[in-house]
Amino acid sequence: MSGKVYTRGGDTGQTSLLGGSRVDKDDLRVEVYGTMDEGTSMLGLARATTQFDDLCRHIIELQGELIPVMSEAAFVPGDKPNKFAIPQVKPEQIARLEHLIDGYNEEWIQTGQFVRPGGSPASAAIDAARAIFRRAERRLVSLNRQEAVNPHLIKYVNRLSDLLYVLARIDEQRTLIQTIAENMPADLQTAVSGNGRQGASEMELTLNDCNRMVEAGIKKAREIGVPMVLSVVDQNGDIIESRRMDNALIVSITLAPHKAYTAATVRLATADLAQAAQPGQSLFGIDVNLPKITLVGGGIPLQKAGQVVGAVGVSGGSVAQDILVAEAMVAAF
């Protein structure tokens, strides 16, 4: 390195903008590009921790693009740049961010609820960067009251925050899918790979299948003297049949389908998932951002020719009783 890192030029609490103006270090314009610098550094942590090449590539591209964006924020219009022309954010840059958002929206399975950041290491870093760029946007709005700011710059930072929100969801979603697949019993791997040899119609549950299972479950529930709610869903977790016995608990009307949904989509019995979701285990936190996922025993996948074709869910008694009735339903299948 040819020069010294320290210049002593800021020892009095001032710094130079790119046009040569000297301002205090807490000047609003310095706050804007300084906040963007924080966000760019946090994106470095996201880039270092994501395991997905496309997300890493986009983050690298964003970090490169943010250098001239910060340069614009560090320049007062009307000043003469010292060494180079100061670029300005253009509408096409905003359109590029929107294109990326739209593309990843196709992949994102939205839950419609507030997110708790931390689903994966990289998504946590991306969410932190998003929050930092939201602060940069607020500082830009404040600066715009004081002096005119390129409106495309404000829009760019807004869209960037939106993109980072979606990228965080994609990283945690992909990580979760990988973790589920790694914890899945070997005999269910074909259900995820989609390489089963059976035709689609042969893999579908019929209403007769569902009726037979529900009747078997009701019989077992009567034997143990506990009124239950019994549900059957397809491989996507959508309800085919749900039946409530007389005097079954009202909460079971919601819980039984959720157990079936969880077993079908995660490809694990809910009792097994509960074990894998304990603190320190591989699926810890799986139920945080997914509103229909439950860790209560009583949901069991249905297999046919090595593939998951649906699941049953039972609620109304103790966990052991729910599992007993669910097993009776699976046996009838």
C-alpha atoms as a PDB file:
ATOM      1  CA  MET A   1       0.000   0.000   0.000  1.00  0.00           C
ATOM      2  CA  SER A   2       1.578   3.241  -1.162  1.00  0.00           C
ATOM      3  CA  GLY A   3      -0.174   5.811   1.045  1.00  0.00           C
ATOM      4  CA  LYS A   4      -1.129   6.029   4.680  1.00  0.00           C
ATOM      5  CA  VAL A   5      -4.620   5.003   5.755  1.00  0.00           C
ATOM      6  CA  TYR A   6      -4.928   8.031   8.009  1.00  0.00           C
ATOM      7  CA  THR A   7      -4.724  11.567   6.598  1.00  0.00           C
ATOM      8  CA  ARG A   8      -5.574  13.598   9.723  1.00  0.00           C
ATOM      9  CA  GLY A   9      -7.933  15.602   7.485  1.00  0.00           C
ATOM     10  CA  GLY A  10     -10.927  14.633   9.567  1.00  0.00           C
ATOM     11  CA  ASP A  11      -9.441  15.254  12.969  1.00  0.00           C
ATOM     12  CA  THR A  12     -11.522  18.392  13.426  1.00  0.00           C
ATOM     13  CA  GLY A  13     -14.784  16.558  12.790  1.00  0.00           C
ATOM     14  CA  GLN A  14     -15.123  17.516   9.135  1.00  0.00           C
ATOM     15  CA  THR A  15     -14.776  15.639   5.857  1.00  0.00           C
ATOM     16  CA  SER A  16     -14.639  16.469   2.140  1.00  0.00           C
ATOM     17  CA  LEU A  17     -17.403  15.617  -0.284  1.00  0.00           C
ATOM     18  CA  LEU A  18     -16.529  14.545  -3.831  1.00  0.00           C
ATOM     19  CA  GLY A  19     -17.026  18.089  -5.127  1.00  0.00           C
ATOM     20  CA  GLY A  20     -14.535  19.471  -2.642  1.00  0.00           C
ATOM     21  CA  SER A  21     -16.986  20.948  -0.132  1.00  0.00           C
ATOM     22  CA  ARG A  22     -16.020  20.583   3.522  1.00  0.00           C
ATOM     23  CA  VAL A  23     -18.851  19.542   5.838  1.00  0.00           C
ATOM     24  CA  ASP A  24     -19.263  18.235   9.358  1.00  0.00           C
ATOM     25  CA  LYS A  25     -19.128  14.459   9.645  1.00  0.00           C
ATOM     26  CA  ASP A  26     -22.691  14.367  10.925  1.00  0.00           C
ATOM     27  CA  ASP A  27     -23.910  16.316   7.895  1.00  0.00           C
ATOM     28  CA  LEU A  28     -27.071  14.792   6.453  1.00  0.00           C
ATOM     29  CA  ARG A  29     -25.393  13.983   3.133  1.00  0.00           C
ATOM     30  CA  VAL A  30     -22.571  12.188   4.944  1.00  0.00           C
ATOM     31  CA  GLU A  31     -25.190  10.318   6.939  1.00  0.00           C
ATOM     32  CA  VAL A  32     -26.805   9.172   3.676  1.00  0.00           C
ATOM     33  CA  TYR A  33     -23.754   7.695   1.998  1.00  0.00           C
ATOM     34  CA  GLY A  34     -22.353   6.483   5.321  1.00  0.00           C
ATOM     35  CA  THR A  35     -25.530   4.491   5.919  1.00  0.00           C
ATOM     36  CA  MET A  36     -25.295   3.050   2.415  1.00  0.00           C
ATOM     37  CA  ASP A  37     -21.719   2.019   3.219  1.00  0.00           C
ATOM     38  CA  GLU A  38     -23.011   0.165   6.291  1.00  0.00           C
ATOM     39  CA  GLY A  39     -25.529  -1.642   4.093  1.00  0.00           C
ATOM     40  CA  THR A  40     -22.880  -2.544   1.530  1.00  0.00           C
ATOM     41  CA  SER A  41     -20.655  -3.988   4.251  1.00  0.00           C
ATOM     42  CA  MET A  42     -23.553  -6.052   5.605  1.00  0.00           C
ATOM     43  CA  LEU A  43     -24.122  -7.373   2.081  1.00  0.00           C
ATOM     44  CA  GLY A  44     -20.536  -8.615   2.279  1.00  0.00           C
ATOM     45  CA  LEU A  45     -21.517 -10.801   5.216  1.00  0.00           C
ATOM     46  CA  ALA A  46     -24.499 -12.077   3.237  1.00  0.00           C
ATOM     47  CA  ARG A  47     -22.256 -12.851   0.260  1.00  0.00           C
ATOM     48  CA  ALA A  48     -19.830 -14.738   2.487  1.00  0.00           C
ATOM     49  CA  THR A  49     -22.547 -16.890   4.058  1.00  0.00           C
ATOM     50  CA  THR A  50     -25.052 -17.689   1.295  1.00  0.00           C
ATOM     51  CA  GLN A  51     -24.647 -21.101  -0.296  1.00  0.00           C
ATOM     52  CA  PHE A  52     -26.553 -20.191  -3.471  1.00  0.00           C
ATOM     53  CA  ASP A  53     -24.526 -19.026  -6.466  1.00  0.00           C
ATOM     54  CA  ASP A  54     -27.225 -16.856  -8.041  1.00  0.00           C
ATOM     55  CA  LEU A  55     -27.793 -14.924  -4.801  1.00  0.00           C
ATOM     56  CA  CYS A  56     -24.043 -14.478  -4.353  1.00  0.00           C
ATOM     57  CA  ARG A  57     -23.738 -13.182  -7.914  1.00  0.00           C
ATOM     58  CA  HIS A  58     -26.554 -10.665  -7.445  1.00  0.00           C
ATOM     59  CA  ILE A  59     -25.037  -9.414  -4.192  1.00  0.00           C
ATOM     60  CA  ILE A  60     -21.644  -8.901  -5.868  1.00  0.00           C
ATOM     61  CA  GLU A  61     -23.353  -6.972  -8.677  1.00  0.00           C
ATOM     62  CA  LEU A  62     -25.230  -4.824  -6.165  1.00  0.00           C
ATOM     63  CA  GLN A  63     -22.065  -4.043  -4.228  1.00  0.00           C
ATOM     64  CA  GLY A  64     -20.425  -2.894  -7.468  1.00  0.00           C
ATOM     65  CA  GLU A  65     -23.426  -0.796  -8.450  1.00  0.00           C
ATOM     66  CA  LEU A  66     -23.598   0.824  -5.023  1.00  0.00           C
ATOM     67  CA  ILE A  67     -20.143   2.406  -5.432  1.00  0.00           C
ATOM     68  CA  PRO A  68     -21.356   5.001  -7.989  1.00  0.00           C
ATOM     69  CA  VAL A  69     -24.674   5.269  -6.118  1.00  0.00           C
ATOM     70  CA  MET A  70     -22.788   6.305  -2.989  1.00  0.00           C
ATOM     71  CA  SER A  71     -20.684   8.661  -5.112  1.00  0.00           C
ATOM     72  CA  GLU A  72     -23.821  10.458  -6.226  1.00  0.00           C
ATOM     73  CA  ALA A  73     -24.975  10.742  -2.619  1.00  0.00           C
ATOM     74  CA  ALA A  74     -21.548  12.192  -1.690  1.00  0.00           C
ATOM     75  CA  PHE A  75     -21.709  14.945  -4.299  1.00  0.00           C
ATOM     76  CA  VAL A  76     -23.466  18.290  -4.009  1.00  0.00           C
ATOM     77  CA  PRO A  77     -25.046  19.258  -7.357  1.00  0.00           C
ATOM     78  CA  GLY A  78     -23.308  22.372  -8.694  1.00  0.00           C
ATOM     79  CA  ASP A  79     -19.886  21.483  -7.276  1.00  0.00           C
ATOM     80  CA  LYS A  80     -17.092  20.471  -9.641  1.00  0.00           C
ATOM     81  CA  PRO A  81     -15.869  16.898  -9.132  1.00  0.00           C
ATOM     82  CA  ASN A  82     -12.195  16.709  -8.251  1.00  0.00           C
ATOM     83  CA  LYS A  83     -11.135  13.709 -10.304  1.00  0.00           C
ATOM     84  CA  PHE A  84     -14.026  12.103 -12.220  1.00  0.00           C
ATOM     85  CA  ALA A  85     -17.570  12.628 -13.424  1.00  0.00           C
ATOM     86  CA  ILE A  86     -20.257  11.724 -10.918  1.00  0.00           C
ATOM     87  CA  PRO A  87     -22.803   9.260 -12.382  1.00  0.00           C
ATOM     88  CA  GLN A  88     -26.499   9.545 -11.575  1.00  0.00           C
ATOM     89  CA  VAL A  89     -28.956   6.738 -10.968  1.00  0.00           C
ATOM     90  CA  LYS A  90     -31.057   6.119 -14.075  1.00  0.00           C
ATOM     91  CA  PRO A  91     -34.593   4.678 -14.438  1.00  0.00           C
ATOM     92  CA  GLU A  92     -33.199   1.552 -16.122  1.00  0.00           C
ATOM     93  CA  GLN A  93     -31.327   0.670 -12.929  1.00  0.00           C
ATOM     94  CA  ILE A  94     -34.605   0.754 -11.010  1.00  0.00           C
ATOM     95  CA  ALA A  95     -36.257  -1.368 -13.715  1.00  0.00           C
ATOM     96  CA  ARG A  96     -33.458  -3.959 -13.347  1.00  0.00           C
ATOM     97  CA  LEU A  97     -34.124  -4.273  -9.629  1.00  0.00           C
ATOM     98  CA  GLU A  98     -37.856  -4.658 -10.293  1.00  0.00           C
ATOM     99  CA  HIS A  99     -37.105  -7.387 -12.848  1.00  0.00           C
ATOM    100  CA  LEU A 100     -35.107  -9.307 -10.242  1.00  0.00           C
ATOM    101  CA  ILE A 101     -37.887  -8.903  -7.673  1.00  0.00           C
ATOM    102  CA  ASP A 102     -40.496 -10.184 -10.119  1.00  0.00           C
ATOM    103  CA  GLY A 103     -38.334 -13.174 -11.028  1.00  0.00           C
ATOM    104  CA  TYR A 104     -37.757 -14.294  -7.450  1.00  0.00           C
ATOM    105  CA  ASN A 105     -41.399 -13.676  -6.573  1.00  0.00           C
ATOM    106  CA  GLU A 106     -42.158 -16.655  -8.831  1.00  0.00           C
ATOM    107  CA  GLU A 107     -40.100 -18.887  -6.524  1.00  0.00           C
ATOM    108  CA  TRP A 108     -41.044 -17.357  -3.185  1.00  0.00           C
ATOM    109  CA  ILE A 109     -43.752 -19.232  -1.257  1.00  0.00           C
ATOM    110  CA  GLN A 110     -45.437 -16.353   0.532  1.00  0.00           C
ATOM    111  CA  THR A 111     -47.009 -16.944   3.939  1.00  0.00           C
ATOM    112  CA  GLY A 112     -48.839 -13.632   4.366  1.00  0.00           C
ATOM    113  CA  GLN A 113     -47.496 -12.975   7.844  1.00  0.00           C
ATOM    114  CA  PHE A 114     -44.781 -10.866   9.433  1.00  0.00           C
ATOM    115  CA  VAL A 115     -41.330 -12.413   9.154  1.00  0.00           C
ATOM    116  CA  ARG A 116     -38.943 -13.057  12.015  1.00  0.00           C
ATOM    117  CA  PRO A 117     -35.449 -12.686  10.493  1.00  0.00           C
ATOM    118  CA  GLY A 118     -32.940 -15.462  11.115  1.00  0.00           C
ATOM    119  CA  GLY A 119     -34.211 -18.389   9.050  1.00  0.00           C
ATOM    120  CA  SER A 120     -30.664 -18.878   7.744  1.00  0.00           C
ATOM    121  CA  PRO A 121     -27.329 -17.102   8.364  1.00  0.00           C
ATOM    122  CA  ALA A 122     -27.325 -15.392   4.965  1.00  0.00           C
ATOM    123  CA  SER A 123     -30.984 -14.359   5.133  1.00  0.00           C
ATOM    124  CA  ALA A 124     -30.316 -12.775   8.533  1.00  0.00           C
ATOM    125  CA  ALA A 125     -27.474 -10.720   7.012  1.00  0.00           C
ATOM    126  CA  ILE A 126     -29.603  -9.742   4.007  1.00  0.00           C
ATOM    127  CA  ASP A 127     -32.434  -8.674   6.312  1.00  0.00           C
ATOM    128  CA  ALA A 128     -29.983  -6.577   8.312  1.00  0.00           C
ATOM    129  CA  ALA A 129     -28.775  -4.942   5.072  1.00  0.00           C
ATOM    130  CA  ARG A 130     -32.398  -4.310   4.095  1.00  0.00           C
ATOM    131  CA  ALA A 131     -33.060  -2.512   7.372  1.00  0.00           C
ATOM    132  CA  ILE A 132     -29.903  -0.403   6.900  1.00  0.00           C
ATOM    133  CA  PHE A 133     -30.927   0.660   3.396  1.00  0.00           C
ATOM    134  CA  ARG A 134     -34.379   1.549   4.711  1.00  0.00           C
ATOM    135  CA  ARG A 135     -32.596   3.921   7.086  1.00  0.00           C
ATOM    136  CA  ALA A 136     -30.595   5.301   4.153  1.00  0.00           C
ATOM    137  CA  GLU A 137     -33.885   5.920   2.351  1.00  0.00           C
ATOM    138  CA  ARG A 138     -35.224   7.848   5.345  1.00  0.00           C
ATOM    139  CA  ARG A 139     -32.081   9.962   5.442  1.00  0.00           C
ATOM    140  CA  LEU A 140     -32.449  10.637   1.703  1.00  0.00           C
ATOM    141  CA  VAL A 141     -36.010  11.863   2.233  1.00  0.00           C
ATOM    142  CA  SER A 142     -34.748  14.186   4.948  1.00  0.00           C
ATOM    143  CA  LEU A 143     -31.968  15.431   2.656  1.00  0.00           C
ATOM    144  CA  ASN A 144     -34.500  16.011  -0.118  1.00  0.00           C
ATOM    145  CA  ARG A 145     -36.334  18.476   2.151  1.00  0.00           C
ATOM    146  CA  GLN A 146     -33.111  20.359   2.599  1.00  0.00           C
ATOM    147  CA  GLU A 147     -31.906  20.292  -1.018  1.00  0.00           C
ATOM    148  CA  ALA A 148     -33.085  18.660  -4.236  1.00  0.00           C
ATOM    149  CA  VAL A 149     -32.121  14.995  -4.588  1.00  0.00           C
ATOM    150  CA  ASN A 150     -32.245  12.944  -7.780  1.00  0.00           C
ATOM    151  CA  PRO A 151     -35.716  11.276  -7.500  1.00  0.00           C
ATOM    152  CA  HIS A 152     -34.356   8.155  -9.192  1.00  0.00           C
ATOM    153  CA  LEU A 153     -31.837   7.813  -6.357  1.00  0.00           C
ATOM    154  CA  ILE A 154     -34.636   7.689  -3.782  1.00  0.00           C
ATOM    155  CA  LYS A 155     -36.576   5.163  -5.875  1.00  0.00           C
ATOM    156  CA  TYR A 156     -33.459   3.049  -6.343  1.00  0.00           C
ATOM    157  CA  VAL A 157     -32.823   2.711  -2.609  1.00  0.00           C
ATOM    158  CA  ASN A 158     -36.492   1.885  -2.061  1.00  0.00           C
ATOM    159  CA  ARG A 159     -36.459  -0.887  -4.682  1.00  0.00           C
ATOM    160  CA  LEU A 160     -33.141  -2.161  -3.383  1.00  0.00           C
ATOM    161  CA  SER A 161     -34.694  -2.674   0.046  1.00  0.00           C
ATOM    162  CA  ASP A 162     -37.606  -4.528  -1.562  1.00  0.00           C
ATOM    163  CA  LEU A 163     -35.208  -6.761  -3.486  1.00  0.00           C
ATOM    164  CA  LEU A 164     -33.214  -7.566  -0.354  1.00  0.00           C
ATOM    165  CA  TYR A 165     -36.395  -8.551   1.464  1.00  0.00           C
ATOM    166  CA  VAL A 166     -37.232 -11.041  -1.289  1.00  0.00           C
ATOM    167  CA  LEU A 167     -33.659 -12.374  -1.520  1.00  0.00           C
ATOM    168  CA  ALA A 168     -33.676 -13.019   2.239  1.00  0.00           C
ATOM    169  CA  ARG A 169     -36.890 -15.012   1.922  1.00  0.00           C
ATOM    170  CA  ILE A 170     -35.446 -17.024  -0.978  1.00  0.00           C
ATOM    171  CA  ASP A 171     -32.271 -17.886   0.929  1.00  0.00           C
ATOM    172  CA  GLU A 172     -34.136 -19.052   4.037  1.00  0.00           C
ATOM    173  CA  GLN A 173     -36.719 -20.920   1.939  1.00  0.00           C
ATOM    174  CA  ARG A 174     -34.070 -22.799  -0.053  1.00  0.00           C
ATOM    175  CA  THR A 175     -32.096 -23.551   3.105  1.00  0.00           C
ATOM    176  CA  LEU A 176     -35.202 -24.929   4.789  1.00  0.00           C
ATOM    177  CA  ILE A 177     -36.024 -27.153   1.806  1.00  0.00           C
ATOM    178  CA  GLN A 178     -32.466 -28.501   1.789  1.00  0.00           C
ATOM    179  CA  THR A 179     -32.573 -29.225   5.507  1.00  0.00           C
ATOM    180  CA  ILE A 180     -35.907 -31.015   5.247  1.00  0.00           C
ATOM    181  CA  ALA A 181     -34.608 -33.145   2.372  1.00  0.00           C
ATOM    182  CA  GLU A 182     -31.488 -34.048   4.342  1.00  0.00           C
ATOM    183  CA  ASN A 183     -33.591 -35.158   7.325  1.00  0.00           C
ATOM    184  CA  MET A 184     -36.114 -37.077   5.255  1.00  0.00           C
ATOM    185  CA  PRO A 185     -36.175 -40.875   5.537  1.00  0.00           C
ATOM    186  CA  ALA A 186     -34.415 -42.499   2.585  1.00  0.00           C
ATOM    187  CA  ASP A 187     -37.584 -44.196   1.367  1.00  0.00           C
ATOM    188  CA  LEU A 188     -39.218 -40.809   0.839  1.00  0.00           C
ATOM    189  CA  GLN A 189     -36.450 -39.206  -1.199  1.00  0.00           C
ATOM    190  CA  THR A 190     -38.243 -39.987  -4.477  1.00  0.00           C
ATOM    191  CA  ALA A 191     -41.147 -37.862  -3.305  1.00  0.00           C
ATOM    192  CA  VAL A 192     -38.915 -34.807  -3.408  1.00  0.00           C
ATOM    193  CA  SER A 193     -36.930 -35.720  -6.515  1.00  0.00           C
ATOM    194  CA  GLY A 194     -40.110 -36.336  -8.491  1.00  0.00           C
ATOM    195  CA  ASN A 195     -38.604 -39.356 -10.236  1.00  0.00           C
ATOM    196  CA  GLY A 196     -41.351 -41.825  -9.340  1.00  0.00           C
ATOM    197  CA  ARG A 197     -42.433 -44.111 -12.166  1.00  0.00           C
ATOM    198  CA  GLN A 198     -46.141 -44.061 -11.452  1.00  0.00           C
ATOM    199  CA  GLY A 199     -48.529 -41.869 -13.427  1.00  0.00           C
ATOM    200  CA  ALA A 200     -50.025 -38.792 -11.784  1.00  0.00           C
ATOM    201  CA  SER A 201     -53.539 -40.251 -11.634  1.00  0.00           C
ATOM    202  CA  GLU A 202     -52.246 -43.370  -9.880  1.00  0.00           C
ATOM    203  CA  MET A 203     -50.660 -41.177  -7.214  1.00  0.00           C
ATOM    204  CA  GLU A 204     -53.830 -39.261  -6.356  1.00  0.00           C
ATOM    205  CA  LEU A 205     -55.951 -40.016  -3.318  1.00  0.00           C
ATOM    206  CA  THR A 206     -59.561 -40.815  -4.116  1.00  0.00           C
ATOM    207  CA  LEU A 207     -62.565 -39.862  -2.029  1.00  0.00           C
ATOM    208  CA  ASN A 208     -63.093 -43.585  -1.367  1.00  0.00           C
ATOM    209  CA  ASP A 209     -59.555 -43.745   0.043  1.00  0.00           C
ATOM    210  CA  CYS A 210     -60.305 -40.811   2.320  1.00  0.00           C
ATOM    211  CA  ASN A 211     -63.663 -42.158   3.479  1.00  0.00           C
ATOM    212  CA  ARG A 212     -62.089 -45.524   4.316  1.00  0.00           C
ATOM    213  CA  MET A 213     -59.337 -43.896   6.351  1.00  0.00           C
ATOM    214  CA  VAL A 214     -61.672 -41.525   8.180  1.00  0.00           C
ATOM    215  CA  GLU A 215     -64.062 -44.357   9.068  1.00  0.00           C
ATOM    216  CA  ALA A 216     -61.149 -46.434  10.397  1.00  0.00           C
ATOM    217  CA  GLY A 217     -60.008 -43.474  12.456  1.00  0.00           C
ATOM    218  CA  ILE A 218     -63.469 -42.865  13.881  1.00  0.00           C
ATOM    219  CA  LYS A 219     -63.718 -46.519  14.846  1.00  0.00           C
ATOM    220  CA  LYS A 220     -60.425 -46.334  16.736  1.00  0.00           C
ATOM    221  CA  ALA A 221     -61.411 -43.028  18.379  1.00  0.00           C
ATOM    222  CA  ARG A 222     -64.637 -44.590  19.637  1.00  0.00           C
ATOM    223  CA  GLU A 223     -62.729 -47.571  20.997  1.00  0.00           C
ATOM    224  CA  ILE A 224     -60.588 -45.299  23.157  1.00  0.00           C
ATOM    225  CA  GLY A 225     -63.542 -43.056  23.988  1.00  0.00           C
ATOM    226  CA  VAL A 226     -62.160 -39.738  22.641  1.00  0.00           C
ATOM    227  CA  PRO A 227     -64.042 -37.592  20.058  1.00  0.00           C
ATOM    228  CA  MET A 228     -61.651 -36.475  17.331  1.00  0.00           C
ATOM    229  CA  VAL A 229     -61.330 -34.322  14.233  1.00  0.00           C
ATOM    230  CA  LEU A 230     -59.842 -36.355  11.373  1.00  0.00           C
ATOM    231  CA  SER A 231     -58.417 -34.795   8.206  1.00  0.00           C
ATOM    232  CA  VAL A 232     -56.922 -36.082   4.963  1.00  0.00           C
ATOM    233  CA  VAL A 233     -54.933 -33.879   2.555  1.00  0.00           C
ATOM    234  CA  ASP A 234     -53.266 -34.406  -0.809  1.00  0.00           C
ATOM    235  CA  GLN A 235     -49.503 -34.230  -1.411  1.00  0.00           C
ATOM    236  CA  ASN A 236     -49.665 -30.416  -1.538  1.00  0.00           C
ATOM    237  CA  GLY A 237     -51.363 -30.236   1.845  1.00  0.00           C
ATOM    238  CA  ASP A 238     -54.768 -29.250   0.450  1.00  0.00           C
ATOM    239  CA  ILE A 239     -57.757 -30.723   2.300  1.00  0.00           C
ATOM    240  CA  ILE A 240     -59.693 -33.530   0.619  1.00  0.00           C
ATOM    241  CA  GLU A 241     -61.786 -34.504   3.619  1.00  0.00           C
ATOM    242  CA  SER A 242     -62.077 -33.333   7.235  1.00  0.00           C
ATOM    243  CA  ARG A 243     -64.639 -34.738   9.643  1.00  0.00           C
ATOM    244  CA  ARG A 244     -65.498 -33.713  13.201  1.00  0.00           C
ATOM    245  CA  MET A 245     -66.935 -36.253  15.599  1.00  0.00           C
ATOM    246  CA  ASP A 246     -69.643 -35.149  18.010  1.00  0.00           C
ATOM    247  CA  ASN A 247     -68.248 -33.177  20.954  1.00  0.00           C
ATOM    248  CA  ALA A 248     -64.737 -32.924  19.506  1.00  0.00           C
ATOM    249  CA  LEU A 249     -62.764 -29.897  20.675  1.00  0.00           C
ATOM    250  CA  ILE A 250     -63.293 -26.743  18.615  1.00  0.00           C
ATOM    251  CA  VAL A 251     -59.538 -26.080  18.423  1.00  0.00           C
ATOM    252  CA  SER A 252     -59.128 -29.482  16.758  1.00  0.00           C
ATOM    253  CA  ILE A 253     -61.040 -28.209  13.713  1.00  0.00           C
ATOM    254  CA  THR A 254     -57.984 -26.063  12.954  1.00  0.00           C
ATOM    255  CA  LEU A 255     -55.250 -28.259  14.367  1.00  0.00           C
ATOM    256  CA  ALA A 256     -56.068 -31.543  12.601  1.00  0.00           C
ATOM    257  CA  PRO A 257     -55.760 -30.078   9.053  1.00  0.00           C
ATOM    258  CA  HIS A 258     -52.556 -28.304  10.089  1.00  0.00           C
ATOM    259  CA  LYS A 259     -51.073 -31.593  11.262  1.00  0.00           C
ATOM    260  CA  ALA A 260     -51.976 -33.207   7.947  1.00  0.00           C
ATOM    261  CA  TYR A 261     -50.592 -30.213   5.995  1.00  0.00           C
ATOM    262  CA  THR A 262     -47.310 -30.376   7.901  1.00  0.00           C
ATOM    263  CA  ALA A 263     -46.874 -34.108   7.389  1.00  0.00           C
ATOM    264  CA  ALA A 264     -47.624 -33.824   3.654  1.00  0.00           C
ATOM    265  CA  THR A 265     -45.427 -30.836   2.859  1.00  0.00           C
ATOM    266  CA  VAL A 266     -42.494 -31.614   5.158  1.00  0.00           C
ATOM    267  CA  ARG A 267     -42.741 -35.344   4.345  1.00  0.00           C
ATOM    268  CA  LEU A 268     -42.336 -36.246   8.007  1.00  0.00           C
ATOM    269  CA  ALA A 269     -44.680 -37.333  10.765  1.00  0.00           C
ATOM    270  CA  THR A 270     -45.281 -34.328  13.013  1.00  0.00           C
ATOM    271  CA  ALA A 271     -44.007 -36.264  16.030  1.00  0.00           C
ATOM    272  CA  ASP A 272     -40.686 -36.864  14.199  1.00  0.00           C
ATOM    273  CA  LEU A 273     -40.580 -33.232  13.091  1.00  0.00           C
ATOM    274  CA  ALA A 274     -41.028 -32.128  16.697  1.00  0.00           C
ATOM    275  CA  GLN A 275     -37.858 -34.016  17.626  1.00  0.00           C
ATOM    276  CA  ALA A 276     -35.885 -32.522  14.724  1.00  0.00           C
ATOM    277  CA  ALA A 277     -37.109 -29.012  15.609  1.00  0.00           C
ATOM    278  CA  GLN A 278     -35.767 -28.963  19.165  1.00  0.00           C
ATOM    279  CA  PRO A 279     -33.083 -26.356  20.043  1.00  0.00           C
ATOM    280  CA  GLY A 280     -29.763 -27.418  18.585  1.00  0.00           C
ATOM    281  CA  GLN A 281     -31.362 -29.755  16.050  1.00  0.00           C
ATOM    282  CA  SER A 282     -31.320 -29.318  12.278  1.00  0.00           C
ATOM    283  CA  LEU A 283     -34.910 -28.069  11.875  1.00  0.00           C
ATOM    284  CA  PHE A 284     -35.038 -25.779  14.887  1.00  0.00           C
ATOM    285  CA  GLY A 285     -37.253 -22.768  14.071  1.00  0.00           C
ATOM    286  CA  ILE A 286     -39.059 -24.373  11.126  1.00  0.00           C
ATOM    287  CA  ASP A 287     -42.407 -23.310  12.568  1.00  0.00           C
ATOM    288  CA  VAL A 288     -41.458 -19.654  13.113  1.00  0.00           C
ATOM    289  CA  ASN A 289     -42.300 -18.149   9.697  1.00  0.00           C
ATOM    290  CA  LEU A 290     -44.631 -20.862   8.401  1.00  0.00           C
ATOM    291  CA  PRO A 291     -48.110 -20.371   9.913  1.00  0.00           C
ATOM    292  CA  LYS A 292     -49.564 -23.810   9.044  1.00  0.00           C
ATOM    293  CA  ILE A 293     -46.609 -25.831  10.295  1.00  0.00           C
ATOM    294  CA  THR A 294     -47.223 -27.536  13.631  1.00  0.00           C
ATOM    295  CA  LEU A 295     -44.950 -29.646  15.819  1.00  0.00           C
ATOM    296  CA  VAL A 296     -47.791 -31.443  17.602  1.00  0.00           C
ATOM    297  CA  GLY A 297     -47.906 -35.203  17.029  1.00  0.00           C
ATOM    298  CA  GLY A 298     -50.834 -36.681  15.098  1.00  0.00           C
ATOM    299  CA  GLY A 299     -49.898 -35.975  11.479  1.00  0.00           C
ATOM    300  CA  ILE A 300     -48.536 -38.830   9.335  1.00  0.00           C
ATOM    301  CA  PRO A 301     -47.603 -38.891   5.615  1.00  0.00           C
ATOM    302  CA  LEU A 302     -49.306 -41.368   3.262  1.00  0.00           C
ATOM    303  CA  GLN A 303     -46.987 -43.284   0.943  1.00  0.00           C
ATOM    304  CA  LYS A 304     -47.744 -45.071  -2.292  1.00  0.00           C
ATOM    305  CA  ALA A 305     -45.042 -46.719  -4.422  1.00  0.00           C
ATOM    306  CA  GLY A 306     -42.381 -44.902  -2.426  1.00  0.00           C
ATOM    307  CA  GLN A 307     -43.918 -41.460  -2.854  1.00  0.00           C
ATOM    308  CA  VAL A 308     -45.866 -39.227  -0.510  1.00  0.00           C
ATOM    309  CA  VAL A 309     -49.361 -38.839  -1.932  1.00  0.00           C
ATOM    310  CA  GLY A 310     -50.935 -37.056   1.013  1.00  0.00           C
ATOM    311  CA  ALA A 311     -51.220 -37.183   4.782  1.00  0.00           C
ATOM    312  CA  VAL A 312     -53.627 -37.614   7.668  1.00  0.00           C
ATOM    313  CA  GLY A 313     -54.021 -35.381  10.695  1.00  0.00           C
ATOM    314  CA  VAL A 314     -55.846 -36.147  13.934  1.00  0.00           C
ATOM    315  CA  SER A 315     -56.600 -33.913  16.909  1.00  0.00           C
ATOM    316  CA  GLY A 316     -58.799 -34.202  19.978  1.00  0.00           C
ATOM    317  CA  GLY A 317     -56.996 -36.257  22.579  1.00  0.00           C
ATOM    318  CA  SER A 318     -53.501 -36.491  23.997  1.00  0.00           C
ATOM    319  CA  VAL A 319     -50.615 -36.633  21.540  1.00  0.00           C
ATOM    320  CA  ALA A 320     -50.347 -40.395  22.062  1.00  0.00           C
ATOM    321  CA  GLN A 321     -54.085 -40.832  21.402  1.00  0.00           C
ATOM    322  CA  ASP A 322     -53.956 -38.659  18.284  1.00  0.00           C
ATOM    323  CA  ILE A 323     -51.044 -40.684  16.924  1.00  0.00           C
ATOM    324  CA  LEU A 324     -52.864 -43.943  17.670  1.00  0.00           C
ATOM    325  CA  VAL A 325     -55.916 -42.854  15.651  1.00  0.00           C
ATOM    326  CA  ALA A 326     -53.729 -41.476  12.840  1.00  0.00           C
ATOM    327  CA  GLU A 327     -51.918 -44.805  12.631  1.00  0.00           C
ATOM    328  CA  ALA A 328     -55.277 -46.574  12.304  1.00  0.00           C
ATOM    329  CA  MET A 329     -56.096 -44.289   9.361  1.00  0.00           C
ATOM    330  CA  VAL A 330     -52.758 -45.028   7.690  1.00  0.00           C
ATOM    331  CA  ALA A 331     -53.275 -48.760   8.193  1.00  0.00           C
ATOM    332  CA  ALA A 332     -56.635 -48.503   6.429  1.00  0.00           C
ATOM    333  CA  PHE A 333     -54.911 -46.808   3.470  1.00  0.00           C
END
